[in-house]
Amino acid sequence: MSIYRDHGVTFGLLTHLESIGLIVFRSTGGEFVKEWVKSVELNYFGERFLCEMPEGSEGGVGIPLGKVALTQVGRELAPIAGAEALPAHRDYMLNR
Protein backbone atom coordinates (compact mmCIF):
# COMPACT_ATOMS: atom_id res chain seq x y z
CA MET A 1 0.00 0.00 0.00
CA SER A 2 1.35 3.36 -0.98
CA ILE A 3 0.69 4.96 2.44
CA TYR A 4 3.38 2.68 3.86
CA ARG A 5 5.67 2.56 0.83
CA ASP A 6 5.68 6.38 0.58
CA HIS A 7 7.05 6.56 4.13
CA GLY A 8 9.75 3.92 3.75
CA VAL A 9 7.93 0.94 5.24
CA THR A 10 9.03 -2.03 3.16
CA PHE A 11 8.96 -5.79 3.51
CA GLY A 12 12.70 -5.70 4.19
CA LEU A 13 12.28 -3.15 6.98
CA LEU A 14 9.49 -5.16 8.60
CA THR A 15 11.46 -8.40 8.51
CA HIS A 16 14.49 -6.58 9.97
CA LEU A 17 12.44 -5.09 12.83
CA GLU A 18 11.03 -8.55 13.51
CA SER A 19 14.50 -10.15 13.48
CA ILE A 20 15.72 -7.73 16.18
CA GLY A 21 12.63 -8.36 18.30
CA LEU A 22 10.77 -5.06 17.98
CA ILE A 23 7.70 -6.29 16.10
CA VAL A 24 5.77 -9.42 15.23
CA PHE A 25 5.04 -9.45 11.49
CA ARG A 26 2.43 -11.66 9.82
CA SER A 27 2.73 -11.16 6.07
CA THR A 28 -0.33 -13.31 5.36
CA GLY A 29 -3.52 -12.05 6.94
CA GLY A 30 -3.99 -9.69 9.81
CA GLU A 31 -5.50 -10.05 13.22
CA PHE A 32 -9.18 -9.33 13.62
CA VAL A 33 -11.50 -8.62 16.50
CA LYS A 34 -14.55 -10.74 15.69
CA GLU A 35 -16.78 -10.33 18.71
CA TRP A 36 -19.64 -7.89 18.61
CA VAL A 37 -18.88 -4.46 19.98
CA LYS A 38 -20.99 -1.34 19.66
CA SER A 39 -17.99 0.94 19.64
CA VAL A 40 -14.23 0.87 19.83
CA GLU A 41 -11.79 3.53 20.93
CA LEU A 42 -8.75 4.11 18.76
CA ASN A 43 -5.67 6.00 19.88
CA TYR A 44 -3.19 7.55 17.47
CA PHE A 45 -0.31 9.49 19.04
CA GLY A 46 -2.53 10.65 21.89
CA GLU A 47 -5.53 11.53 19.69
CA ARG A 48 -8.53 9.44 20.70
CA PHE A 49 -11.30 8.47 18.33
CA LEU A 50 -14.54 6.71 19.20
CA CYS A 51 -15.71 4.58 16.27
CA GLU A 52 -19.30 3.38 16.46
CA MET A 53 -20.44 0.34 14.54
CA PRO A 54 -23.24 0.78 12.01
CA GLU A 55 -26.81 -0.07 12.93
CA GLY A 56 -27.83 -3.57 11.86
CA SER A 57 -24.39 -5.11 12.30
CA GLU A 58 -25.29 -6.99 15.49
CA GLY A 59 -23.92 -10.23 14.07
CA GLY A 60 -20.42 -8.96 14.64
CA VAL A 61 -17.99 -6.77 12.84
CA GLY A 62 -14.43 -7.74 11.98
CA ILE A 63 -12.03 -4.98 12.94
CA PRO A 64 -8.72 -5.27 11.10
CA LEU A 65 -5.82 -4.69 13.45
CA GLY A 66 -3.13 -5.07 10.82
CA LYS A 67 -0.23 -7.40 10.14
CA VAL A 68 2.29 -5.85 12.51
CA ALA A 69 2.25 -5.65 16.30
CA LEU A 70 4.87 -4.23 18.63
CA THR A 71 6.54 -6.64 21.00
CA GLN A 72 6.93 -5.70 24.67
CA VAL A 73 10.40 -4.31 23.88
CA GLY A 74 8.97 -2.42 20.89
CA ARG A 75 6.26 -0.87 23.09
CA GLU A 76 8.87 0.22 25.64
CA LEU A 77 11.15 1.78 23.01
CA ALA A 78 8.42 3.42 20.88
CA PRO A 79 8.00 6.55 23.06
CA ILE A 80 11.72 7.38 22.87
CA ALA A 81 12.30 6.40 19.23
CA GLY A 82 11.31 9.80 17.81
CA ALA A 83 8.24 8.64 15.89
CA GLU A 84 5.92 11.39 14.71
CA ALA A 85 2.25 11.32 13.81
CA LEU A 86 1.42 11.33 10.11
CA PRO A 87 -1.99 12.88 9.45
CA ALA A 88 -2.29 10.91 6.20
CA HIS A 89 -1.84 7.62 8.10
CA ARG A 90 -4.33 8.64 10.78
CA ASP A 91 -6.88 9.44 8.07
CA TYR A 92 -6.15 6.15 6.28
CA MET A 93 -6.64 4.23 9.51
CA LEU A 94 -9.90 5.99 10.34
CA ASN A 95 -11.34 5.49 6.85
CA ARG A 96 -10.77 1.72 7.06
PDB file of N, CA and C in Angstrom:
ATOM      1  N   MET A   1       0.840  -1.172   0.000  1.00  0.00           N
ATOM      2  CA  MET A   1       0.000   0.000   0.000  1.00  0.00           C
ATOM      3  C   MET A   1       0.884   1.234   0.000  1.00  0.00           C
ATOM      4  N   SER A   2       0.496   2.190  -0.790  1.00  0.00           N
ATOM      5  CA  SER A   2       1.351   3.360  -0.976  1.00  0.00           C
ATOM      6  C   SER A   2       1.516   4.185   0.298  1.00  0.00           C
ATOM      7  N   ILE A   3       0.549   4.186   1.200  1.00  0.00           N
ATOM      8  CA  ILE A   3       0.686   4.964   2.440  1.00  0.00           C
ATOM      9  C   ILE A   3       1.911   4.494   3.215  1.00  0.00           C
ATOM     10  N   TYR A   4       2.203   3.222   3.172  1.00  0.00           N
ATOM     11  CA  TYR A   4       3.380   2.685   3.858  1.00  0.00           C
ATOM     12  C   TYR A   4       4.637   2.846   3.002  1.00  0.00           C
ATOM     13  N   ARG A   5       4.529   2.476   1.738  1.00  0.00           N
ATOM     14  CA  ARG A   5       5.667   2.562   0.825  1.00  0.00           C
ATOM     15  C   ARG A   5       6.189   4.001   0.744  1.00  0.00           C
ATOM     16  N   ASP A   6       5.293   4.970   0.682  1.00  0.00           N
ATOM     17  CA  ASP A   6       5.679   6.381   0.578  1.00  0.00           C
ATOM     18  C   ASP A   6       6.459   6.866   1.793  1.00  0.00           C
ATOM     19  N   HIS A   7       6.351   6.167   2.903  1.00  0.00           N
ATOM     20  CA  HIS A   7       7.046   6.561   4.130  1.00  0.00           C
ATOM     21  C   HIS A   7       8.148   5.574   4.517  1.00  0.00           C
ATOM     22  N   GLY A   8       8.594   4.773   3.544  1.00  0.00           N
ATOM     23  CA  GLY A   8       9.754   3.917   3.754  1.00  0.00           C
ATOM     24  C   GLY A   8       9.498   2.597   4.450  1.00  0.00           C
ATOM     25  N   VAL A   9       8.239   2.226   4.608  1.00  0.00           N
ATOM     26  CA  VAL A   9       7.930   0.943   5.244  1.00  0.00           C
ATOM     27  C   VAL A   9       7.904  -0.116   4.148  1.00  0.00           C
ATOM     28  N   THR A  10       8.894  -0.987   4.175  1.00  0.00           N
ATOM     29  CA  THR A  10       9.035  -2.027   3.160  1.00  0.00           C
ATOM     30  C   THR A  10       9.026  -3.398   3.826  1.00  0.00           C
ATOM     31  N   PHE A  11       8.895  -4.422   3.005  1.00  0.00           N
ATOM     32  CA  PHE A  11       8.960  -5.786   3.509  1.00  0.00           C
ATOM     33  C   PHE A  11      10.297  -6.021   4.208  1.00  0.00           C
ATOM     34  N   GLY A  12      11.373  -5.546   3.602  1.00  0.00           N
ATOM     35  CA  GLY A  12      12.696  -5.696   4.195  1.00  0.00           C
ATOM     36  C   GLY A  12      12.811  -5.035   5.553  1.00  0.00           C
ATOM     37  N   LEU A  13      12.254  -3.847   5.689  1.00  0.00           N
ATOM     38  CA  LEU A  13      12.281  -3.149   6.979  1.00  0.00           C
ATOM     39  C   LEU A  13      11.493  -3.929   8.027  1.00  0.00           C
ATOM     40  N   LEU A  14      10.320  -4.414   7.650  1.00  0.00           N
ATOM     41  CA  LEU A  14       9.494  -5.158   8.602  1.00  0.00           C
ATOM     42  C   LEU A  14      10.173  -6.446   9.052  1.00  0.00           C
ATOM     43  N   THR A  15      10.787  -7.163   8.113  1.00  0.00           N
ATOM     44  CA  THR A  15      11.463  -8.396   8.514  1.00  0.00           C
ATOM     45  C   THR A  15      12.683  -8.096   9.377  1.00  0.00           C
ATOM     46  N   HIS A  16      13.357  -6.976   9.123  1.00  0.00           N
ATOM     47  CA  HIS A  16      14.488  -6.583   9.972  1.00  0.00           C
ATOM     48  C   HIS A  16      14.015  -6.255  11.390  1.00  0.00           C
ATOM     49  N   LEU A  17      12.956  -5.451  11.505  1.00  0.00           N
ATOM     50  CA  LEU A  17      12.436  -5.092  12.833  1.00  0.00           C
ATOM     51  C   LEU A  17      11.973  -6.331  13.594  1.00  0.00           C
ATOM     52  N   GLU A  18      11.434  -7.309  12.860  1.00  0.00           N
ATOM     53  CA  GLU A  18      11.035  -8.553  13.508  1.00  0.00           C
ATOM     54  C   GLU A  18      12.274  -9.337  13.958  1.00  0.00           C
ATOM     55  N   SER A  19      13.314  -9.369  13.137  1.00  0.00           N
ATOM     56  CA  SER A  19      14.503 -10.150  13.484  1.00  0.00           C
ATOM     57  C   SER A  19      15.225  -9.598  14.708  1.00  0.00           C
ATOM     58  N   ILE A  20      15.077  -8.299  14.983  1.00  0.00           N
ATOM     59  CA  ILE A  20      15.716  -7.727  16.176  1.00  0.00           C
ATOM     60  C   ILE A  20      14.753  -7.625  17.355  1.00  0.00           C
ATOM     61  N   GLY A  21      13.550  -8.209  17.186  1.00  0.00           N
ATOM     62  CA  GLY A  21      12.634  -8.356  18.304  1.00  0.00           C
ATOM     63  C   GLY A  21      11.756  -7.165  18.635  1.00  0.00           C
ATOM     64  N   LEU A  22      11.600  -6.222  17.686  1.00  0.00           N
ATOM     65  CA  LEU A  22      10.771  -5.056  17.978  1.00  0.00           C
ATOM     66  C   LEU A  22       9.313  -5.213  17.561  1.00  0.00           C
ATOM     67  N   ILE A  23       9.069  -6.069  16.571  1.00  0.00           N
ATOM     68  CA  ILE A  23       7.705  -6.291  16.097  1.00  0.00           C
ATOM     69  C   ILE A  23       7.472  -7.780  15.856  1.00  0.00           C
ATOM     70  N   VAL A  24       6.200  -8.129  15.741  1.00  0.00           N
ATOM     71  CA  VAL A  24       5.767  -9.422  15.227  1.00  0.00           C
ATOM     72  C   VAL A  24       5.092  -9.096  13.905  1.00  0.00           C
ATOM     73  N   PHE A  25       5.525  -9.748  12.839  1.00  0.00           N
ATOM     74  CA  PHE A  25       5.036  -9.452  11.489  1.00  0.00           C
ATOM     75  C   PHE A  25       4.405 -10.695  10.891  1.00  0.00           C
ATOM     76  N   ARG A  26       3.147 -10.569  10.489  1.00  0.00           N
ATOM     77  CA  ARG A  26       2.432 -11.661   9.819  1.00  0.00           C
ATOM     78  C   ARG A  26       2.109 -11.192   8.407  1.00  0.00           C
ATOM     79  N   SER A  27       2.900 -11.645   7.445  1.00  0.00           N
ATOM     80  CA  SER A  27       2.728 -11.163   6.073  1.00  0.00           C
ATOM     81  C   SER A  27       1.454 -11.693   5.418  1.00  0.00           C
ATOM     82  N   THR A  28       0.900 -12.771   5.926  1.00  0.00           N
ATOM     83  CA  THR A  28      -0.331 -13.309   5.358  1.00  0.00           C
ATOM     84  C   THR A  28      -1.453 -13.158   6.364  1.00  0.00           C
ATOM     85  N   GLY A  29      -2.352 -12.246   6.079  1.00  0.00           N
ATOM     86  CA  GLY A  29      -3.516 -12.045   6.939  1.00  0.00           C
ATOM     87  C   GLY A  29      -3.208 -11.267   8.187  1.00  0.00           C
ATOM     88  N   GLY A  30      -4.144 -10.472   8.601  1.00  0.00           N
ATOM     89  CA  GLY A  30      -3.993  -9.686   9.809  1.00  0.00           C
ATOM     90  C   GLY A  30      -4.823 -10.253  10.931  1.00  0.00           C
ATOM     91  N   GLU A  31      -4.700  -9.663  12.071  1.00  0.00           N
ATOM     92  CA  GLU A  31      -5.495 -10.050  13.224  1.00  0.00           C
ATOM     93  C   GLU A  31      -6.828  -9.305  13.162  1.00  0.00           C
ATOM     94  N   PHE A  32      -7.867  -9.953  13.628  1.00  0.00           N
ATOM     95  CA  PHE A  32      -9.182  -9.326  13.618  1.00  0.00           C
ATOM     96  C   PHE A  32      -9.867  -9.517  14.956  1.00  0.00           C
ATOM     97  N   VAL A  33     -10.609  -8.503  15.356  1.00  0.00           N
ATOM     98  CA  VAL A  33     -11.504  -8.619  16.500  1.00  0.00           C
ATOM     99  C   VAL A  33     -12.830  -9.064  15.908  1.00  0.00           C
ATOM    100  N   LYS A  34     -13.342 -10.201  16.326  1.00  0.00           N
ATOM    101  CA  LYS A  34     -14.546 -10.737  15.694  1.00  0.00           C
ATOM    102  C   LYS A  34     -15.780 -10.649  16.575  1.00  0.00           C
ATOM    103  N   GLU A  35     -15.596 -10.387  17.861  1.00  0.00           N
ATOM    104  CA  GLU A  35     -16.781 -10.335  18.706  1.00  0.00           C
ATOM    105  C   GLU A  35     -17.535  -9.030  18.466  1.00  0.00           C
ATOM    106  N   TRP A  36     -18.795  -9.048  18.823  1.00  0.00           N
ATOM    107  CA  TRP A  36     -19.638  -7.888  18.609  1.00  0.00           C
ATOM    108  C   TRP A  36     -19.311  -6.806  19.628  1.00  0.00           C
ATOM    109  N   VAL A  37     -19.056  -5.633  19.134  1.00  0.00           N
ATOM    110  CA  VAL A  37     -18.875  -4.460  19.983  1.00  0.00           C
ATOM    111  C   VAL A  37     -19.665  -3.327  19.351  1.00  0.00           C
ATOM    112  N   LYS A  38     -20.244  -2.478  20.190  1.00  0.00           N
ATOM    113  CA  LYS A  38     -20.990  -1.339  19.658  1.00  0.00           C
ATOM    114  C   LYS A  38     -20.072  -0.190  19.277  1.00  0.00           C
ATOM    115  N   SER A  39     -18.938  -0.119  19.958  1.00  0.00           N
ATOM    116  CA  SER A  39     -17.986   0.940  19.639  1.00  0.00           C
ATOM    117  C   SER A  39     -16.593   0.491  20.057  1.00  0.00           C
ATOM    118  N   VAL A  40     -15.612   1.159  19.489  1.00  0.00           N
ATOM    119  CA  VAL A  40     -14.229   0.865  19.827  1.00  0.00           C
ATOM    120  C   VAL A  40     -13.474   2.197  19.858  1.00  0.00           C
ATOM    121  N   GLU A  41     -12.589   2.317  20.843  1.00  0.00           N
ATOM    122  CA  GLU A  41     -11.793   3.535  20.931  1.00  0.00           C
ATOM    123  C   GLU A  41     -10.429   3.297  20.299  1.00  0.00           C
ATOM    124  N   LEU A  42     -10.049   4.169  19.399  1.00  0.00           N
ATOM    125  CA  LEU A  42      -8.754   4.108  18.756  1.00  0.00           C
ATOM    126  C   LEU A  42      -7.890   5.246  19.286  1.00  0.00           C
ATOM    127  N   ASN A  43      -6.596   4.996  19.385  1.00  0.00           N
ATOM    128  CA  ASN A  43      -5.670   6.005  19.878  1.00  0.00           C
ATOM    129  C   ASN A  43      -4.528   6.112  18.875  1.00  0.00           C
ATOM    130  N   TYR A  44      -4.281   7.319  18.406  1.00  0.00           N
ATOM    131  CA  TYR A  44      -3.190   7.554  17.467  1.00  0.00           C
ATOM    132  C   TYR A  44      -2.381   8.739  17.958  1.00  0.00           C
ATOM    133  N   PHE A  45      -1.201   8.460  18.512  1.00  0.00           N
ATOM    134  CA  PHE A  45      -0.310   9.494  19.042  1.00  0.00           C
ATOM    135  C   PHE A  45      -1.060  10.439  19.992  1.00  0.00           C
ATOM    136  N   GLY A  46      -1.832   9.866  20.880  1.00  0.00           N
ATOM    137  CA  GLY A  46      -2.531  10.653  21.888  1.00  0.00           C
ATOM    138  C   GLY A  46      -3.883  11.191  21.459  1.00  0.00           C
ATOM    139  N   GLU A  47      -4.197  11.129  20.165  1.00  0.00           N
ATOM    140  CA  GLU A  47      -5.526  11.529  19.692  1.00  0.00           C
ATOM    141  C   GLU A  47      -6.442  10.324  19.867  1.00  0.00           C
ATOM    142  N   ARG A  48      -7.574  10.538  20.488  1.00  0.00           N
ATOM    143  CA  ARG A  48      -8.526   9.440  20.701  1.00  0.00           C
ATOM    144  C   ARG A  48      -9.726   9.612  19.789  1.00  0.00           C
ATOM    145  N   PHE A  49     -10.161   8.479  19.242  1.00  0.00           N
ATOM    146  CA  PHE A  49     -11.303   8.467  18.332  1.00  0.00           C
ATOM    147  C   PHE A  49     -12.252   7.370  18.767  1.00  0.00           C
ATOM    148  N   LEU A  50     -13.520   7.696  18.871  1.00  0.00           N
ATOM    149  CA  LEU A  50     -14.538   6.707  19.196  1.00  0.00           C
ATOM    150  C   LEU A  50     -15.225   6.329  17.897  1.00  0.00           C
ATOM    151  N   CYS A  51     -15.088   5.073  17.500  1.00  0.00           N
ATOM    152  CA  CYS A  51     -15.708   4.578  16.273  1.00  0.00           C
ATOM    153  C   CYS A  51     -16.904   3.726  16.658  1.00  0.00           C
ATOM    154  N   GLU A  52     -18.073   4.114  16.174  1.00  0.00           N
ATOM    155  CA  GLU A  52     -19.299   3.377  16.465  1.00  0.00           C
ATOM    156  C   GLU A  52     -19.647   2.497  15.283  1.00  0.00           C
ATOM    157  N   MET A  53     -20.086   1.293  15.580  1.00  0.00           N
ATOM    158  CA  MET A  53     -20.438   0.342  14.543  1.00  0.00           C
ATOM    159  C   MET A  53     -21.797   0.708  13.951  1.00  0.00           C
ATOM    160  N   PRO A  54     -21.976   0.424  12.662  1.00  0.00           N
ATOM    161  CA  PRO A  54     -23.244   0.779  12.014  1.00  0.00           C
ATOM    162  C   PRO A  54     -24.414  -0.010  12.567  1.00  0.00           C
ATOM    163  N   GLU A  55     -25.579   0.605  12.520  1.00  0.00           N
ATOM    164  CA  GLU A  55     -26.811  -0.068  12.929  1.00  0.00           C
ATOM    165  C   GLU A  55     -27.017  -1.296  12.047  1.00  0.00           C
ATOM    166  N   GLY A  56     -27.542  -2.363  12.621  1.00  0.00           N
ATOM    167  CA  GLY A  56     -27.828  -3.573  11.860  1.00  0.00           C
ATOM    168  C   GLY A  56     -26.648  -4.514  11.725  1.00  0.00           C
ATOM    169  N   SER A  57     -25.554  -4.221  12.409  1.00  0.00           N
ATOM    170  CA  SER A  57     -24.386  -5.106  12.302  1.00  0.00           C
ATOM    171  C   SER A  57     -24.209  -5.919  13.581  1.00  0.00           C
ATOM    172  N   GLU A  58     -25.337  -6.275  14.214  1.00  0.00           N
ATOM    173  CA  GLU A  58     -25.293  -6.988  15.488  1.00  0.00           C
ATOM    174  C   GLU A  58     -24.663  -8.368  15.405  1.00  0.00           C
ATOM    175  N   GLY A  59     -24.515  -8.916  14.213  1.00  0.00           N
ATOM    176  CA  GLY A  59     -23.918 -10.233  14.072  1.00  0.00           C
ATOM    177  C   GLY A  59     -22.418 -10.225  14.289  1.00  0.00           C
ATOM    178  N   GLY A  60     -21.851  -9.072  14.433  1.00  0.00           N
ATOM    179  CA  GLY A  60     -20.416  -8.962  14.642  1.00  0.00           C
ATOM    180  C   GLY A  60     -19.741  -8.242  13.499  1.00  0.00           C
ATOM    181  N   VAL A  61     -18.735  -7.534  13.826  1.00  0.00           N
ATOM    182  CA  VAL A  61     -17.993  -6.772  12.837  1.00  0.00           C
ATOM    183  C   VAL A  61     -16.524  -7.119  12.996  1.00  0.00           C
ATOM    184  N   GLY A  62     -15.867  -7.490  11.925  1.00  0.00           N
ATOM    185  CA  GLY A  62     -14.431  -7.737  11.981  1.00  0.00           C
ATOM    186  C   GLY A  62     -13.689  -6.412  11.953  1.00  0.00           C
ATOM    187  N   ILE A  63     -12.814  -6.205  12.891  1.00  0.00           N
ATOM    188  CA  ILE A  63     -12.033  -4.979  12.940  1.00  0.00           C
ATOM    189  C   ILE A  63     -10.591  -5.341  12.618  1.00  0.00           C
ATOM    190  N   PRO A  64     -10.095  -4.907  11.447  1.00  0.00           N
ATOM    191  CA  PRO A  64      -8.725  -5.271  11.099  1.00  0.00           C
ATOM    192  C   PRO A  64      -7.723  -4.540  11.987  1.00  0.00           C
ATOM    193  N   LEU A  65      -6.831  -5.276  12.588  1.00  0.00           N
ATOM    194  CA  LEU A  65      -5.816  -4.687  13.452  1.00  0.00           C
ATOM    195  C   LEU A  65      -4.460  -4.622  12.768  1.00  0.00           C
ATOM    196  N   GLY A  66      -4.364  -5.149  11.568  1.00  0.00           N
ATOM    197  CA  GLY A  66      -3.128  -5.069  10.820  1.00  0.00           C
ATOM    198  C   GLY A  66      -2.293  -6.328  10.874  1.00  0.00           C
ATOM    199  N   LYS A  67      -1.127  -6.251  10.250  1.00  0.00           N
ATOM    200  CA  LYS A  67      -0.235  -7.401  10.139  1.00  0.00           C
ATOM    201  C   LYS A  67       0.997  -7.247  11.011  1.00  0.00           C
ATOM    202  N   VAL A  68       1.117  -6.128  11.692  1.00  0.00           N
ATOM    203  CA  VAL A  68       2.295  -5.855  12.513  1.00  0.00           C
ATOM    204  C   VAL A  68       1.840  -5.468  13.916  1.00  0.00           C
ATOM    205  N   ALA A  69       2.508  -6.026  14.912  1.00  0.00           N
ATOM    206  CA  ALA A  69       2.252  -5.652  16.303  1.00  0.00           C
ATOM    207  C   ALA A  69       3.599  -5.445  16.988  1.00  0.00           C
ATOM    208  N   LEU A  70       3.659  -4.447  17.853  1.00  0.00           N
ATOM    209  CA  LEU A  70       4.874  -4.226  18.630  1.00  0.00           C
ATOM    210  C   LEU A  70       5.028  -5.313  19.678  1.00  0.00           C
ATOM    211  N   THR A  71       6.244  -5.736  19.893  1.00  0.00           N
ATOM    212  CA  THR A  71       6.540  -6.638  21.002  1.00  0.00           C
ATOM    213  C   THR A  71       6.606  -5.798  22.277  1.00  0.00           C
ATOM    214  N   GLN A  72       6.790  -6.446  23.414  1.00  0.00           N
ATOM    215  CA  GLN A  72       6.933  -5.701  24.668  1.00  0.00           C
ATOM    216  C   GLN A  72       8.111  -4.727  24.579  1.00  0.00           C
ATOM    217  N   VAL A  73       9.230  -5.181  24.045  1.00  0.00           N
ATOM    218  CA  VAL A  73      10.400  -4.307  23.881  1.00  0.00           C
ATOM    219  C   VAL A  73      10.070  -3.161  22.938  1.00  0.00           C
ATOM    220  N   GLY A  74       9.374  -3.460  21.839  1.00  0.00           N
ATOM    221  CA  GLY A  74       8.973  -2.417  20.895  1.00  0.00           C
ATOM    222  C   GLY A  74       8.088  -1.370  21.546  1.00  0.00           C
ATOM    223  N   ARG A  75       7.140  -1.821  22.388  1.00  0.00           N
ATOM    224  CA  ARG A  75       6.260  -0.870  23.089  1.00  0.00           C
ATOM    225  C   ARG A  75       7.051   0.006  24.055  1.00  0.00           C
ATOM    226  N   GLU A  76       8.068  -0.561  24.694  1.00  0.00           N
ATOM    227  CA  GLU A  76       8.869   0.219  25.640  1.00  0.00           C
ATOM    228  C   GLU A  76       9.758   1.235  24.928  1.00  0.00           C
ATOM    229  N   LEU A  77      10.258   0.883  23.744  1.00  0.00           N
ATOM    230  CA  LEU A  77      11.146   1.785  23.013  1.00  0.00           C
ATOM    231  C   LEU A  77      10.405   2.821  22.172  1.00  0.00           C
ATOM    232  N   ALA A  78       9.172   2.534  21.777  1.00  0.00           N
ATOM    233  CA  ALA A  78       8.422   3.420  20.884  1.00  0.00           C
ATOM    234  C   ALA A  78       8.368   4.876  21.360  1.00  0.00           C
ATOM    235  N   PRO A  79       8.102   5.150  22.632  1.00  0.00           N
ATOM    236  CA  PRO A  79       8.000   6.551  23.062  1.00  0.00           C
ATOM    237  C   PRO A  79       9.308   7.339  22.940  1.00  0.00           C
ATOM    238  N   ILE A  80      10.450   6.663  22.941  1.00  0.00           N
ATOM    239  CA  ILE A  80      11.717   7.383  22.871  1.00  0.00           C
ATOM    240  C   ILE A  80      12.379   7.274  21.497  1.00  0.00           C
ATOM    241  N   ALA A  81      11.714   6.638  20.542  1.00  0.00           N
ATOM    242  CA  ALA A  81      12.302   6.400  19.226  1.00  0.00           C
ATOM    243  C   ALA A  81      12.172   7.586  18.272  1.00  0.00           C
ATOM    244  N   GLY A  82      11.435   8.616  18.660  1.00  0.00           N
ATOM    245  CA  GLY A  82      11.306   9.797  17.813  1.00  0.00           C
ATOM    246  C   GLY A  82      10.226   9.710  16.756  1.00  0.00           C
ATOM    247  N   ALA A  83       9.320   8.752  16.876  1.00  0.00           N
ATOM    248  CA  ALA A  83       8.242   8.637  15.891  1.00  0.00           C
ATOM    249  C   ALA A  83       7.347   9.873  15.953  1.00  0.00           C
ATOM    250  N   GLU A  84       6.827  10.248  14.806  1.00  0.00           N
ATOM    251  CA  GLU A  84       5.919  11.393  14.715  1.00  0.00           C
ATOM    252  C   GLU A  84       4.638  10.967  14.028  1.00  0.00           C
ATOM    253  N   ALA A  85       3.554  11.606  14.418  1.00  0.00           N
ATOM    254  CA  ALA A  85       2.253  11.324  13.811  1.00  0.00           C
ATOM    255  C   ALA A  85       2.258  11.760  12.352  1.00  0.00           C
ATOM    256  N   LEU A  86       1.614  10.974  11.514  1.00  0.00           N
ATOM    257  CA  LEU A  86       1.417  11.325  10.109  1.00  0.00           C
ATOM    258  C   LEU A  86      -0.082  11.472   9.876  1.00  0.00           C
ATOM    259  N   PRO A  87      -0.553  12.704   9.669  1.00  0.00           N
ATOM    260  CA  PRO A  87      -1.994  12.880   9.454  1.00  0.00           C
ATOM    261  C   PRO A  87      -2.554  11.994   8.348  1.00  0.00           C
ATOM    262  N   ALA A  88      -1.794  11.755   7.291  1.00  0.00           N
ATOM    263  CA  ALA A  88      -2.285  10.908   6.200  1.00  0.00           C
ATOM    264  C   ALA A  88      -2.514   9.479   6.687  1.00  0.00           C
ATOM    265  N   HIS A  89      -1.652   8.975   7.572  1.00  0.00           N
ATOM    266  CA  HIS A  89      -1.842   7.616   8.098  1.00  0.00           C
ATOM    267  C   HIS A  89      -3.028   7.571   9.045  1.00  0.00           C
ATOM    268  N   ARG A  90      -3.174   8.578   9.884  1.00  0.00           N
ATOM    269  CA  ARG A  90      -4.328   8.642  10.782  1.00  0.00           C
ATOM    270  C   ARG A  90      -5.618   8.599   9.963  1.00  0.00           C
ATOM    271  N   ASP A  91      -5.684   9.398   8.909  1.00  0.00           N
ATOM    272  CA  ASP A  91      -6.880   9.440   8.073  1.00  0.00           C
ATOM    273  C   ASP A  91      -7.122   8.098   7.376  1.00  0.00           C
ATOM    274  N   TYR A  92      -6.039   7.466   6.903  1.00  0.00           N
ATOM    275  CA  TYR A  92      -6.148   6.146   6.282  1.00  0.00           C
ATOM    276  C   TYR A  92      -6.727   5.140   7.267  1.00  0.00           C
ATOM    277  N   MET A  93      -6.192   5.152   8.477  1.00  0.00           N
ATOM    278  CA  MET A  93      -6.637   4.227   9.512  1.00  0.00           C
ATOM    279  C   MET A  93      -8.124   4.457   9.833  1.00  0.00           C
ATOM    280  N   LEU A  94      -8.518   5.692   9.981  1.00  0.00           N
ATOM    281  CA  LEU A  94      -9.905   5.991  10.339  1.00  0.00           C
ATOM    282  C   LEU A  94     -10.880   5.659   9.220  1.00  0.00           C
ATOM    283  N   ASN A  95     -10.452   5.796   7.975  1.00  0.00           N
ATOM    284  CA  ASN A  95     -11.336   5.487   6.852  1.00  0.00           C
ATOM    285  C   ASN A  95     -11.526   3.995   6.638  1.00  0.00           C
ATOM    286  N   ARG A  96     -10.636   3.162   7.195  1.00  0.00           N
ATOM    287  CA  ARG A  96     -10.774   1.719   7.064  1.00  0.00           C
ATOM    288  C   ARG A  96     -11.863   1.252   7.976  1.00  0.00           C
TER     289      ARG A  96
END
